[in-house]
Amino acid sequence: MSLAYLAQETIETTTTASGYGAIGYGLAAIGPGIGVGIVVGKAIEGMVRQPEMAGQVRTTMFLGIAFTEALALIGLVAGFIF
């Protein structure tokens, strides 16, 4: 195999795979979106049930959101790498 042939294959594969990266990131964003919705919904339920714990529940909610959003960022980076 010549070097020119390998370079041409890489260019063709890269242009085709770039569209798949966008689809992959779109699919990777679905999970964290659902996760954030669940975390916020459960936190609101907890605040309604025990209003005196609202401060602690809110802090825990933001930690859960941060960890869930980290998955979306990993999906974004993976889309660029692969």
Protein backbone atom coordinates (compact mmCIF):
# COMPACT_ATOMS: atom_id res chain seq x y z
CA MET A 1 0.00 0.00 0.00
CA SER A 2 1.32 3.35 -0.91
CA LEU A 3 1.33 6.37 1.34
CA ALA A 4 -0.85 8.33 -1.12
CA TYR A 5 -3.50 5.61 -1.05
CA LEU A 6 -3.58 5.59 2.75
CA ALA A 7 -3.85 9.38 2.83
CA GLN A 8 -6.75 9.29 0.38
CA GLU A 9 -8.54 6.63 2.46
CA THR A 10 -8.05 8.73 5.59
CA ILE A 11 -9.52 11.82 3.93
CA GLU A 12 -12.55 9.90 2.62
CA THR A 13 -13.13 8.22 5.98
CA THR A 14 -12.79 11.49 7.89
CA THR A 15 -15.31 13.38 5.77
CA THR A 16 -17.83 10.56 6.03
CA ALA A 17 -17.31 10.05 9.76
CA SER A 18 -17.75 13.72 10.65
CA GLY A 19 -21.50 13.45 10.10
CA TYR A 20 -21.60 10.40 12.34
CA GLY A 21 -19.88 12.38 15.10
CA ALA A 22 -22.71 14.91 15.09
CA ILE A 23 -25.28 12.13 15.26
CA GLY A 24 -23.32 10.48 18.06
CA TYR A 25 -23.22 13.68 20.07
CA GLY A 26 -26.94 14.18 19.56
CA LEU A 27 -27.58 10.72 20.92
CA ALA A 28 -25.11 11.32 23.77
CA ALA A 29 -26.99 14.47 24.78
CA ILE A 30 -30.29 12.63 25.19
CA GLY A 31 -29.18 10.71 28.28
CA PRO A 32 -27.89 13.68 30.27
CA GLY A 33 -30.96 15.70 29.26
CA ILE A 34 -33.24 13.05 30.71
CA GLY A 35 -30.97 12.69 33.74
CA VAL A 36 -31.04 16.40 34.54
CA GLY A 37 -34.82 16.40 34.23
CA ILE A 38 -35.11 13.53 36.68
CA VAL A 39 -32.66 15.10 39.15
CA VAL A 40 -34.45 18.47 39.15
CA GLY A 41 -37.88 16.87 39.38
CA LYS A 42 -36.93 14.73 42.35
CA ALA A 43 -35.25 17.70 44.05
CA ILE A 44 -38.43 19.75 43.70
CA GLU A 45 -40.43 16.87 45.16
CA GLY A 46 -38.02 16.71 48.09
CA MET A 47 -38.25 20.46 48.68
CA VAL A 48 -42.04 20.31 48.65
CA ARG A 49 -42.12 17.44 51.12
CA GLN A 50 -39.60 18.98 53.53
CA PRO A 51 -39.16 22.73 52.98
CA GLU A 52 -36.72 23.03 55.88
CA MET A 53 -34.23 20.87 53.95
CA ALA A 54 -34.45 22.97 50.76
CA GLY A 55 -30.90 24.33 51.09
CA GLN A 56 -29.29 20.91 51.38
CA VAL A 57 -31.50 19.43 48.68
CA ARG A 58 -30.62 22.29 46.33
CA THR A 59 -26.89 21.76 46.92
CA THR A 60 -27.20 18.05 46.24
CA MET A 61 -29.29 18.81 43.15
CA PHE A 62 -26.56 21.03 41.70
CA LEU A 63 -23.96 18.31 42.34
CA GLY A 64 -26.16 15.79 40.53
CA ILE A 65 -26.63 18.18 37.62
CA ALA A 66 -22.87 18.75 37.39
CA PHE A 67 -22.11 15.03 37.30
CA THR A 68 -24.84 14.40 34.76
CA GLU A 69 -23.63 17.22 32.51
CA ALA A 70 -20.13 15.76 32.66
CA LEU A 71 -21.53 12.85 30.63
CA ALA A 72 -22.65 15.27 27.93
CA LEU A 73 -19.18 16.80 27.78
CA ILE A 74 -17.60 13.35 27.52
CA GLY A 75 -19.98 12.60 24.64
CA LEU A 76 -18.96 15.84 22.92
CA VAL A 77 -15.25 15.10 23.27
CA ALA A 78 -15.75 11.51 22.12
CA GLY A 79 -17.51 12.82 19.02
CA PHE A 80 -14.49 14.93 18.14
CA ILE A 81 -11.98 12.19 18.89
CA PHE A 82 -13.68 9.36 17.04
